[in-house]
Protein backbone atom coordinates (compact mmCIF):
# COMPACT_ATOMS: atom_id res chain seq x y z
CA UNK A 1 16.07 4.75 15.40
CA UNK A 2 16.22 6.29 11.95
CA UNK A 3 16.62 10.04 11.75
CA UNK A 4 16.04 12.31 8.89
CA UNK A 5 15.90 16.03 7.96
CA UNK A 6 12.42 15.32 6.19
CA UNK A 7 9.89 12.61 6.64
CA UNK A 8 7.34 12.64 3.83
CA UNK A 9 4.05 10.80 4.79
CA UNK A 10 2.30 9.15 1.64
CA UNK A 11 3.75 7.77 -1.58
CA UNK A 12 1.21 9.09 -3.99
CA UNK A 13 1.50 11.74 -6.58
CA UNK A 14 2.16 14.53 -3.97
CA UNK A 15 4.64 12.49 -1.94
CA UNK A 16 6.69 11.41 -4.98
CA UNK A 17 6.51 15.11 -6.15
CA UNK A 18 7.60 16.34 -2.69
CA UNK A 19 10.54 13.79 -2.86
CA UNK A 20 11.66 15.01 -6.27
CA UNK A 21 11.53 18.72 -5.13
CA UNK A 22 13.75 17.77 -2.03
CA UNK A 23 16.17 15.78 -4.20
CA UNK A 24 16.68 18.54 -6.80
CA UNK A 25 16.33 21.64 -4.58
CA UNK A 26 17.89 20.44 -1.36
CA UNK A 27 20.21 17.76 -2.48
CA UNK A 28 22.32 17.70 0.90
CA UNK A 29 19.04 16.99 2.99
CA UNK A 30 18.13 13.41 3.98
CA UNK A 31 14.54 12.18 3.56
CA UNK A 32 12.46 9.18 3.52
CA UNK A 33 8.85 8.37 2.54
CA UNK A 34 6.62 6.34 4.80
CA UNK A 35 3.85 4.73 2.97
CA UNK A 36 1.16 2.81 4.87
CA UNK A 37 0.24 0.56 1.99
CA UNK A 38 2.17 -2.16 0.13
CA UNK A 39 2.47 -0.23 -3.02
CA UNK A 40 2.91 3.21 -4.46
CA UNK A 41 0.27 5.29 -5.99
CA UNK A 42 -1.89 6.67 -3.11
CA UNK A 43 -5.56 7.01 -4.47
CA UNK A 44 -4.73 5.40 -7.86
CA UNK A 45 -3.76 2.08 -6.18
CA UNK A 46 -6.39 2.27 -3.24
CA UNK A 47 -9.75 2.50 -5.04
CA UNK A 48 -10.80 -0.54 -7.06
CA UNK A 49 -14.39 0.39 -8.02
CA UNK A 50 -15.57 -0.11 -11.76
CA UNK A 51 -14.31 2.59 -14.01
CA UNK A 52 -12.04 4.30 -11.58
CA UNK A 53 -10.03 7.09 -13.49
CA UNK A 54 -9.02 10.69 -13.25
CA UNK A 55 -11.29 13.44 -13.90
CA UNK A 56 -8.61 15.83 -14.57
CA UNK A 57 -6.39 16.15 -17.63
CA UNK A 58 -3.20 14.38 -16.82
CA UNK A 59 -0.93 17.08 -18.51
CA UNK A 60 -1.68 19.27 -15.53
CA UNK A 61 -2.67 16.53 -13.06
CA UNK A 62 0.52 14.69 -13.59
CA UNK A 63 3.83 15.58 -12.19
CA UNK A 64 5.13 18.81 -13.71
CA UNK A 65 8.64 17.42 -14.23
CA UNK A 66 7.67 14.13 -16.01
CA UNK A 67 5.63 14.25 -19.17
CA UNK A 68 2.47 12.22 -19.47
CA UNK A 69 2.93 10.11 -22.68
CA UNK A 70 -0.14 8.23 -23.04
CA UNK A 71 -2.84 9.37 -25.62
CA UNK A 72 -5.69 9.22 -23.10
CA UNK A 73 -5.58 12.32 -21.11
CA UNK A 74 -8.35 11.21 -18.64
CA UNK A 75 -6.74 7.98 -17.72
CA UNK A 76 -7.67 4.83 -15.98
CA UNK A 77 -6.28 4.33 -12.30
CA UNK A 78 -3.86 1.66 -13.29
CA UNK A 79 -2.03 3.82 -15.88
CA UNK A 80 -1.88 6.58 -13.31
CA UNK A 81 -0.39 4.16 -10.72
CA UNK A 82 2.18 2.87 -13.24
CA UNK A 83 3.13 6.47 -14.23
CA UNK A 84 3.88 7.23 -10.43
CA UNK A 85 5.83 4.15 -9.96
CA UNK A 86 7.86 4.86 -13.10
CA UNK A 87 8.48 8.43 -12.01
CA UNK A 88 9.69 7.22 -8.68
CA UNK A 89 11.96 4.60 -10.16
CA UNK A 90 13.47 6.89 -12.86
CA UNK A 91 14.47 9.47 -10.31
CA UNK A 92 15.68 6.87 -7.68
CA UNK A 93 12.89 8.03 -5.28
CA UNK A 94 11.70 4.39 -5.04
CA UNK A 95 14.76 3.56 -2.91
CA UNK A 96 13.77 6.04 -0.40
CA UNK A 97 10.10 4.62 0.06
CA UNK A 98 9.24 2.44 2.91
CA UNK A 99 6.16 0.53 2.27
CA UNK A 100 3.97 -0.99 4.77
CA UNK A 101 5.05 1.90 7.30
CA UNK A 102 1.88 3.25 8.73
CA UNK A 103 2.41 6.52 10.87
CA UNK A 104 0.27 6.15 14.02
CA UNK A 105 1.41 9.07 15.92
CA UNK A 106 3.59 12.34 15.72
CA UNK A 107 4.97 14.26 18.65
CA UNK A 108 7.04 17.48 18.74
CA UNK A 109 9.69 18.15 21.35
CA UNK A 110 10.90 21.82 21.70
CA UNK A 111 13.77 20.69 23.69
CA UNK A 112 14.95 18.38 20.96
CA UNK A 113 13.64 20.41 18.11
CA UNK A 114 12.61 17.22 16.55
CA UNK A 115 9.47 15.26 15.59
CA UNK A 116 9.19 11.74 16.91
CA UNK A 117 7.01 9.52 14.68
CA UNK A 118 5.55 6.26 15.94
CA UNK A 119 5.23 3.85 13.11
CA UNK A 120 3.63 0.37 12.44
CA UNK A 121 5.92 -1.30 10.31
CA UNK A 122 3.94 -4.37 9.06
CA UNK A 123 3.18 -5.22 12.58
CA UNK A 124 6.31 -4.07 14.21
CA UNK A 125 6.51 -0.80 16.26
CA UNK A 126 9.18 1.47 15.20
CA UNK A 127 10.31 5.19 15.87
CA UNK A 128 11.61 7.69 13.57
CA UNK A 129 13.06 11.16 14.29
CA UNK A 130 12.71 14.11 11.83
CA UNK A 131 13.39 17.90 11.77
CA UNK A 132 10.53 18.48 9.22
CA UNK A 133 7.36 16.54 8.35
CA UNK A 134 5.48 16.88 5.06
CA UNK A 135 2.32 15.10 5.03
CA UNK A 136 1.19 14.01 1.41
CA UNK A 137 -1.67 11.58 2.56
CA UNK A 138 -4.51 13.80 0.90
CA UNK A 139 -7.46 14.85 2.79
CA UNK A 140 -9.56 11.89 3.23
CA UNK A 141 -9.52 8.85 5.54
CA UNK A 142 -8.60 5.63 3.72
CA UNK A 143 -9.96 3.48 6.70
CA UNK A 144 -13.37 5.13 7.09
CA UNK A 145 -15.81 6.59 4.37
CA UNK A 146 -18.27 9.37 5.11
CA UNK A 147 -21.12 7.95 7.30
CA UNK A 148 -24.29 8.96 5.36
CA UNK A 149 -27.70 8.40 7.01
CA UNK A 150 -29.56 6.20 4.66
CA UNK A 151 -32.91 5.25 6.47
CA UNK A 152 -33.65 1.54 6.45
CA UNK A 153 -30.48 0.59 4.89
CA UNK A 154 -30.24 -2.52 7.32
CA UNK A 155 -33.52 -3.73 5.75
CA UNK A 156 -31.85 -4.46 2.33
CA UNK A 157 -31.36 -8.02 1.60
CA UNK A 158 -29.05 -7.64 -1.44
CA UNK A 159 -25.60 -6.32 -1.33
CA UNK A 160 -24.47 -2.95 -0.19
CA UNK A 161 -21.10 -1.71 -1.68
CA UNK A 162 -19.16 1.24 -0.90
CA UNK A 163 -16.80 2.43 -3.59
CA UNK A 164 -13.98 2.92 -1.01
CA UNK A 165 -14.12 -0.73 -0.05
CA UNK A 166 -15.24 -2.33 -3.36
CA UNK A 167 -15.70 -6.13 -3.12
CA UNK A 168 -13.44 -7.64 -5.85
CA UNK A 169 -15.64 -10.59 -6.28
CA UNK A 170 -18.78 -8.57 -6.78
CA UNK A 171 -20.66 -9.78 -9.79
CA UNK A 172 -23.08 -7.10 -10.94
CA UNK A 173 -23.75 -8.60 -14.35
CA UNK A 174 -27.54 -8.64 -15.23
CA UNK A 175 -28.21 -7.15 -11.72
CA UNK A 176 -30.42 -4.20 -10.85
CA UNK A 177 -27.95 -1.61 -9.43
CA UNK A 178 -28.78 1.75 -7.69
CA UNK A 179 -25.89 4.09 -7.18
CA UNK A 180 -26.61 6.63 -4.28
CA UNK A 181 -24.78 9.98 -5.01
CA UNK A 182 -24.13 12.63 -7.65
CA UNK A 183 -20.32 13.24 -7.47
CA UNK A 184 -17.24 12.28 -9.31
CA UNK A 185 -17.49 8.61 -8.24
CA UNK A 186 -21.12 8.01 -9.26
CA UNK A 187 -20.57 9.80 -12.56
CA UNK A 188 -17.66 7.48 -13.29
CA UNK A 189 -19.33 4.27 -12.10
CA UNK A 190 -22.51 4.59 -13.99
CA UNK A 191 -21.28 4.14 -17.55
CA UNK A 192 -18.83 1.51 -16.47
CA UNK A 193 -21.39 -0.58 -14.75
CA UNK A 194 -23.97 -0.03 -17.42
CA UNK A 195 -21.85 -2.12 -19.79
CA UNK A 196 -22.85 -5.36 -18.10
CA UNK A 197 -25.46 -4.61 -15.31
CA UNK A 198 -29.16 -5.42 -15.87
CA UNK A 199 -30.12 -1.99 -15.05
CA UNK A 200 -28.37 1.04 -13.23
CA UNK A 201 -30.12 3.85 -11.52
CA UNK A 202 -28.17 6.95 -10.21
CA UNK A 203 -30.26 8.36 -7.39
CA UNK A 204 -29.19 11.81 -6.30
CA UNK A 205 -30.75 14.18 -3.62
CA UNK A 206 -29.61 17.27 -5.76
CA UNK A 207 -28.19 17.82 -9.15
CA UNK A 208 -24.51 18.31 -10.25
CA UNK A 209 -22.79 19.89 -13.13
CA UNK A 210 -21.25 17.54 -15.48
CA UNK A 211 -18.99 18.60 -18.29
CA UNK A 212 -17.68 16.46 -21.12
CA UNK A 213 -13.90 16.63 -22.17
CA UNK A 214 -12.11 14.64 -24.83
CA UNK A 215 -10.62 11.47 -23.74
CA UNK A 216 -7.75 12.14 -25.86
CA UNK A 217 -7.00 15.85 -26.71
CA UNK A 218 -6.31 16.07 -30.51
CA UNK A 219 -4.27 19.29 -30.14
CA UNK A 220 -2.10 17.79 -27.46
CA UNK A 221 -1.67 14.58 -29.55
CA UNK A 222 -0.62 16.64 -32.62
CA UNK A 223 1.92 18.67 -30.60
CA UNK A 224 3.59 15.57 -29.09
CA UNK A 225 3.79 13.92 -32.69
CA UNK A 226 5.36 17.00 -34.27
CA UNK A 227 7.92 18.29 -31.43
CA UNK A 228 10.50 16.78 -29.21
CA UNK A 229 9.17 15.36 -25.94
CA UNK A 230 10.47 18.10 -23.51
CA UNK A 231 9.42 21.03 -25.77
CA UNK A 232 5.99 19.26 -26.48
CA UNK A 233 5.41 18.72 -22.65
CA UNK A 234 6.19 22.40 -21.89
CA UNK A 235 3.97 23.64 -24.74
CA UNK A 236 1.17 21.33 -23.87
CA UNK A 237 1.43 22.21 -20.16
CA UNK A 238 1.23 26.00 -20.60
CA UNK A 239 -1.66 25.52 -23.10
CA UNK A 240 -3.73 23.22 -20.71
CA UNK A 241 -2.84 25.67 -17.71
CA UNK A 242 -4.05 28.76 -19.56
CA UNK A 243 -7.31 27.05 -20.88
CA UNK A 244 -8.19 25.72 -17.46
CA UNK A 245 -7.59 29.16 -15.58
CA UNK A 246 -9.54 31.02 -18.14
CA UNK A 247 -12.51 28.75 -18.00
CA UNK A 248 -12.54 28.72 -14.24
CA UNK A 249 -12.04 32.53 -14.04
CA UNK A 250 -14.92 32.90 -16.61
CA UNK A 251 -17.15 30.64 -14.53
CA UNK A 252 -16.38 32.47 -11.34
CA UNK A 253 -16.75 35.98 -12.93
CA UNK A 254 -19.80 35.45 -14.97
CA UNK A 255 -21.74 32.65 -13.12
CA UNK A 256 -25.12 33.16 -14.77
CA UNK A 257 -23.83 33.00 -18.29
CA UNK A 258 -21.52 30.16 -17.38
CA UNK A 259 -24.44 28.15 -15.94
CA UNK A 260 -26.41 28.87 -19.17
CA UNK A 261 -23.75 27.78 -21.48
CA UNK A 262 -22.96 24.42 -19.49
CA UNK A 263 -26.65 23.59 -18.90
CA UNK A 264 -27.17 24.07 -22.43
CA UNK A 265 -24.37 21.83 -23.47
CA UNK A 266 -25.59 19.10 -21.09
CA UNK A 267 -29.07 19.36 -22.50
CA UNK A 268 -27.72 18.66 -26.04
CA UNK A 269 -26.00 15.46 -24.82
CA UNK A 270 -29.03 14.20 -22.74
CA UNK A 271 -31.86 11.96 -23.99
CA UNK A 272 -35.24 13.86 -24.62
CA UNK A 273 -36.87 12.19 -21.81
CA UNK A 274 -34.38 13.56 -19.18
CA UNK A 275 -35.24 17.04 -18.01
CA UNK A 276 -32.06 19.00 -17.57
CA UNK A 277 -33.72 21.56 -15.32
CA UNK A 278 -34.65 18.75 -12.85
CA UNK A 279 -31.46 16.48 -12.81
CA UNK A 280 -28.73 18.86 -14.02
CA UNK A 281 -29.43 22.45 -12.85
CA UNK A 282 -27.98 22.73 -9.45
CA UNK A 283 -28.87 25.54 -6.85
CA UNK A 284 -25.19 26.56 -6.73
CA UNK A 285 -22.81 28.13 -9.22
CA UNK A 286 -20.06 26.29 -11.05
CA UNK A 287 -17.16 25.55 -8.81
CA UNK A 288 -18.83 26.17 -5.46
CA UNK A 289 -18.71 22.43 -5.43
CA UNK A 290 -16.67 20.02 -7.49
CA UNK A 291 -17.72 19.78 -11.14
CA UNK A 292 -18.18 16.30 -12.56
CA UNK A 293 -16.07 15.70 -15.75
CA UNK A 294 -16.51 12.79 -18.06
CA UNK A 295 -14.50 11.51 -21.17
CA UNK A 296 -16.06 11.75 -24.35
CA UNK A 297 -19.57 12.14 -22.82
CA UNK A 298 -19.52 8.59 -21.59
CA UNK A 299 -21.93 9.59 -18.89
CA UNK A 300 -24.31 11.12 -21.19
CA UNK A 301 -23.94 8.24 -23.54
CA UNK A 302 -24.88 5.77 -20.90
CA UNK A 303 -28.14 7.73 -20.05
CA UNK A 304 -29.14 7.00 -23.66
CA UNK A 305 -29.14 3.40 -22.98
CA UNK A 306 -32.32 1.33 -22.04
CA UNK A 307 -30.78 0.06 -18.88
CA UNK A 308 -29.79 3.40 -17.33
CA UNK A 309 -31.76 6.25 -15.67
CA UNK A 310 -31.30 8.99 -13.39
CA UNK A 311 -33.56 9.95 -10.45
CA UNK A 312 -33.45 13.13 -8.28
CA UNK A 313 -35.28 12.50 -5.10
CA UNK A 314 -34.92 11.83 -1.41
CA UNK A 315 -35.00 8.69 0.20
CA UNK A 316 -37.88 7.59 2.35
CA UNK A 317 -36.68 4.20 3.18
CA UNK A 318 -34.65 1.19 2.02
CA UNK A 319 -36.65 -1.93 1.63
CA UNK A 320 -35.70 -5.60 1.41
CA UNK A 321 -35.44 -5.38 -2.39
CA UNK A 322 -34.94 -1.52 -3.15
CA UNK A 323 -35.51 1.99 -2.27
CA UNK A 324 -38.61 3.99 -1.78
CA UNK A 325 -38.27 7.56 -2.46
CA UNK A 326 -40.05 10.58 -0.82
CA UNK A 327 -42.19 11.02 -3.96
CA UNK A 328 -43.45 7.43 -3.72
CA UNK A 329 -41.30 5.88 -6.48
CA UNK A 330 -39.92 2.37 -5.89
CA UNK A 331 -36.37 1.80 -7.34
CA UNK A 332 -35.90 -2.16 -7.38
CA UNK A 333 -32.22 -3.18 -6.43
CA UNK A 334 -30.12 -6.13 -6.22
CA UNK A 335 -27.04 -4.03 -5.28
CA UNK A 336 -26.98 -0.57 -3.58
CA UNK A 337 -23.95 1.42 -4.06
CA UNK A 338 -23.27 4.12 -1.61
CA UNK A 339 -21.17 6.52 -3.31
CA UNK A 340 -21.90 9.32 -0.65
CA UNK A 341 -18.59 10.84 -0.09
CA UNK A 342 -15.23 10.85 1.90
CA UNK A 343 -14.33 11.41 5.40
CA UNK A 344 -12.14 14.46 5.30
CA UNK A 345 -9.23 14.96 7.65
CA UNK A 346 -5.59 16.17 7.54
CA UNK A 347 -2.40 14.89 8.80
CA UNK A 348 -3.64 11.51 8.06
CA UNK A 349 -6.35 11.72 10.89
CA UNK A 350 -3.47 11.82 13.37
CA UNK A 351 -3.57 14.46 16.12
CA UNK A 352 -0.28 16.10 16.51
CA UNK A 353 1.24 16.39 20.08
CA UNK A 354 3.34 19.32 20.70
CA UNK A 355 5.32 19.15 23.89
CA UNK A 356 3.00 16.74 25.31
CA UNK A 357 -0.20 18.68 24.29
CA UNK A 358 -2.66 17.64 21.67
CA UNK A 359 -3.40 20.26 18.95
CA UNK A 360 -6.84 20.54 17.80
CA UNK A 361 -6.61 21.36 14.13
CA UNK A 362 -10.10 22.75 13.99
CA UNK A 363 -9.00 25.71 16.31
CA UNK A 364 -5.70 26.43 14.31
CA UNK A 365 -5.15 28.66 11.48
CA UNK A 366 -3.70 27.63 7.97
CA UNK A 367 -0.70 29.76 6.93
CA UNK A 368 -0.86 30.19 3.16
CA UNK A 369 -2.73 26.92 2.92
CA UNK A 370 -0.06 24.60 3.95
CA UNK A 371 1.38 25.29 7.50
CA UNK A 372 -0.66 25.26 10.58
CA UNK A 373 -0.41 27.39 13.66
CA UNK A 374 0.76 25.63 16.84
CA UNK A 375 2.37 22.82 14.84
CA UNK A 376 6.09 23.59 14.18
CA UNK A 377 8.27 22.27 11.21
CA UNK A 378 5.44 20.70 9.31
CA UNK A 379 3.11 20.96 6.26
CA UNK A 380 -0.13 19.36 5.35
CA UNK A 381 -0.01 19.30 1.44
CA UNK A 382 -3.27 19.47 -0.30
CA UNK A 383 -4.19 20.44 -3.79
CA UNK A 384 -6.96 22.46 -5.52
CA UNK A 385 -10.59 21.51 -5.47
CA UNK A 386 -11.61 23.59 -8.48
CA UNK A 387 -8.52 22.97 -10.64
CA UNK A 388 -5.91 20.39 -11.10
CA UNK A 389 -4.81 18.95 -7.71
CA UNK A 390 -1.18 18.55 -8.42
CA UNK A 391 -0.72 22.30 -9.29
CA UNK A 392 -1.63 23.26 -5.55
CA UNK A 393 0.22 20.37 -4.04
CA UNK A 394 3.43 21.28 -5.99
CA UNK A 395 3.19 24.91 -5.08
CA UNK A 396 2.86 23.97 -1.38
CA UNK A 397 5.82 21.80 -1.43
CA UNK A 398 7.84 24.48 -3.07
CA UNK A 399 6.86 26.97 -0.55
CA UNK A 400 7.95 24.52 2.43
CA UNK A 401 11.23 24.20 0.78
CA UNK A 402 11.54 27.98 0.73
CA UNK A 403 10.78 28.17 4.33
CA UNK A 404 13.41 25.51 5.06
CA UNK A 405 16.06 27.46 2.98
CA UNK A 406 15.31 30.56 5.11
CA UNK A 407 15.83 28.49 8.24
CA UNK A 408 19.17 27.17 7.06
CA UNK A 409 20.22 30.67 5.92
CA UNK A 410 19.36 32.29 9.29
CA UNK A 411 20.30 29.34 11.52
CA UNK A 412 16.73 28.68 12.86
CA UNK A 413 15.94 25.25 14.08
CA UNK A 414 12.16 25.40 13.97
CA UNK A 415 9.33 27.55 12.60
CA UNK A 416 5.69 27.77 13.45
CA UNK A 417 2.86 29.99 12.24
CA UNK A 418 1.55 32.45 14.76
CA UNK A 419 -1.80 34.38 14.24
CA UNK A 420 -2.17 37.01 16.96
CA UNK A 421 -5.31 38.27 15.35
CA UNK A 422 -7.32 35.02 15.59
CA UNK A 423 -10.93 35.28 15.72
CA UNK A 424 -12.57 31.79 15.09
CA UNK A 425 -15.98 33.19 14.95
CA UNK A 426 -15.42 35.14 11.86
CA UNK A 427 -13.05 32.40 10.05
CA UNK A 428 -13.80 29.86 7.48
CA UNK A 429 -12.40 26.43 6.89
CA UNK A 430 -9.11 26.21 4.83
CA UNK A 431 -11.11 24.49 1.92
CA UNK A 432 -14.09 26.58 1.14
CA UNK A 433 -16.28 24.05 -0.49
CA UNK A 434 -19.98 23.40 -0.10
CA UNK A 435 -19.93 19.75 -0.91
CA UNK A 436 -21.57 17.78 1.92
CA UNK A 437 -18.43 15.99 2.88
CA UNK A 438 -16.37 19.19 3.20
CA UNK A 439 -19.37 20.89 5.25
CA UNK A 440 -19.28 17.85 7.56
CA UNK A 441 -15.55 18.25 8.13
CA UNK A 442 -15.47 21.90 8.86
CA UNK A 443 -14.80 21.45 12.64
CA UNK A 444 -11.79 19.21 11.84
CA UNK A 445 -10.18 21.67 9.33
CA UNK A 446 -7.83 24.57 10.08
CA UNK A 447 -9.28 28.01 9.73
CA UNK A 448 -8.56 30.91 7.33
CA UNK A 449 -9.43 34.61 7.49
CA UNK A 450 -9.11 35.26 3.64
CA UNK A 451 -6.39 37.96 4.04
CA UNK A 452 -2.72 37.10 3.58
CA UNK A 453 -0.95 34.97 4.83
CA UNK A 454 -3.96 33.33 6.44
CA UNK A 455 -5.76 31.99 3.20
CA UNK A 456 -6.36 28.49 1.91
CA UNK A 457 -6.06 26.95 -1.56
CA UNK A 458 -6.74 29.87 -3.88
CA UNK A 459 -5.43 29.38 -7.46
CA UNK A 460 -2.15 28.58 -9.13
CA UNK A 461 -1.37 31.89 -10.36
CA UNK A 462 -1.90 33.69 -6.97
CA UNK A 463 -0.09 30.99 -5.09
CA UNK A 464 2.99 31.17 -7.48
CA UNK A 465 3.06 34.96 -7.12
CA UNK A 466 3.18 34.58 -3.35
CA UNK A 467 5.78 31.79 -3.69
CA UNK A 468 8.07 33.96 -5.69
CA UNK A 469 7.34 37.37 -3.93
CA UNK A 470 5.76 36.62 -0.57
CA UNK A 471 7.37 36.92 2.74
CA UNK A 472 8.48 33.88 4.55
CA UNK A 473 8.56 35.76 7.84
CA UNK A 474 5.14 37.35 7.94
CA UNK A 475 2.96 35.21 10.16
CA UNK A 476 5.72 32.88 11.16
CA UNK A 477 7.88 32.56 14.34
CA UNK A 478 11.40 31.13 13.94
CA UNK A 479 13.23 29.60 16.81
CA UNK A 480 17.13 29.99 17.02
CA UNK A 481 19.61 27.96 19.10
CA UNK A 482 20.68 30.91 21.18
CA UNK A 483 17.02 32.03 22.13
CA UNK A 484 16.09 28.42 22.79
CA UNK A 485 19.03 28.07 25.26
CA UNK A 486 18.23 31.30 27.09
């Protein structure tokens, strides 16, 4: 049986970042990364649907300690996967990654002060021991998508494809395609599929905001050309950080004005026959749900094509050869793409067992957005939903390391958040997001009260202030050997 100080679950951006932080800040600690799939990259090696790319600037979305060197700032998935692989290899982290090691169970023993992890290692059952677990497997289920009720879908005689399990041999050239959805996936797929499909319709129940950003930032490119790499990366990072935070702050502080400006910008890019107030003027304010981003306005350019359109309506039923909407419109289809969202969960969907008792995460509280009551020596790393993911993930990892350093300094063997003032009725989910897939996951997510330290993913400035100056004892209960033996 292998035993480590830390076990990291997941070898995507967050997992590789966690390994780097452990390597540099806790060089005497042992660790390994258990990755369920057969390659590094997480999301960026898993999804294969047409056009798969980032919808964040890679200067911030990338690893803080490794510059993004490509000219394209909203990059295709294969470039991001290669970037993660290169980063892991350059730091020797690749030697710590165990591929095709799927964690199937985690159980904590207070007597041992250890976690035991049950692992399926390419069909072979193995066990690992760890003092601390950091789960970096994101917040969605790789095996199961969000189950959306689409009336009559079984009647369809064409092909139904879900982006999460995209058929590699699916030929959509000259075919009629209907993409059901209005989120980042649909916004990415429409321009990509329109290049060869006969016709593509994006069918959405309600509008979303879509903002166009440069595929290649000219200022960033200029800075990289003039300055040494390390200086250019630092300067670009801070520039992008400030711009992003000022924009988000502006939208949250002046929601009506922000809406007017963004809707006006979308109207300028849309063809005259598409009514922005019908299709791109949501009932919610900016950043109450995820904002769609597209490089160089490719989404809007696609809607200028003769073979692209957008329909905002509800589905009455799916027929043998298309979709009938509530308004009576018939959308012919050879292929229906169900871009309807993700099934959200934490800890890779595994229920932690603590001293033989299963822990219902939906009744627990999140300590500073990363640790969970009743679950000792662990952290569930998630990023931000209204700004670059990696900023939040990196802050969470640094916070867990700070907690560990306090344990080492004081001689503690375990730590667990304890909320004596818990009141589930007045609490909120750790991710306050009104997107359907988060709303449907509320009962599975830990709770927050909105007061420190029981808050969720806020913003990078606030979280860093708490990281630097916040307490690592408030809300936490540490266990020491003498007390454990009494």
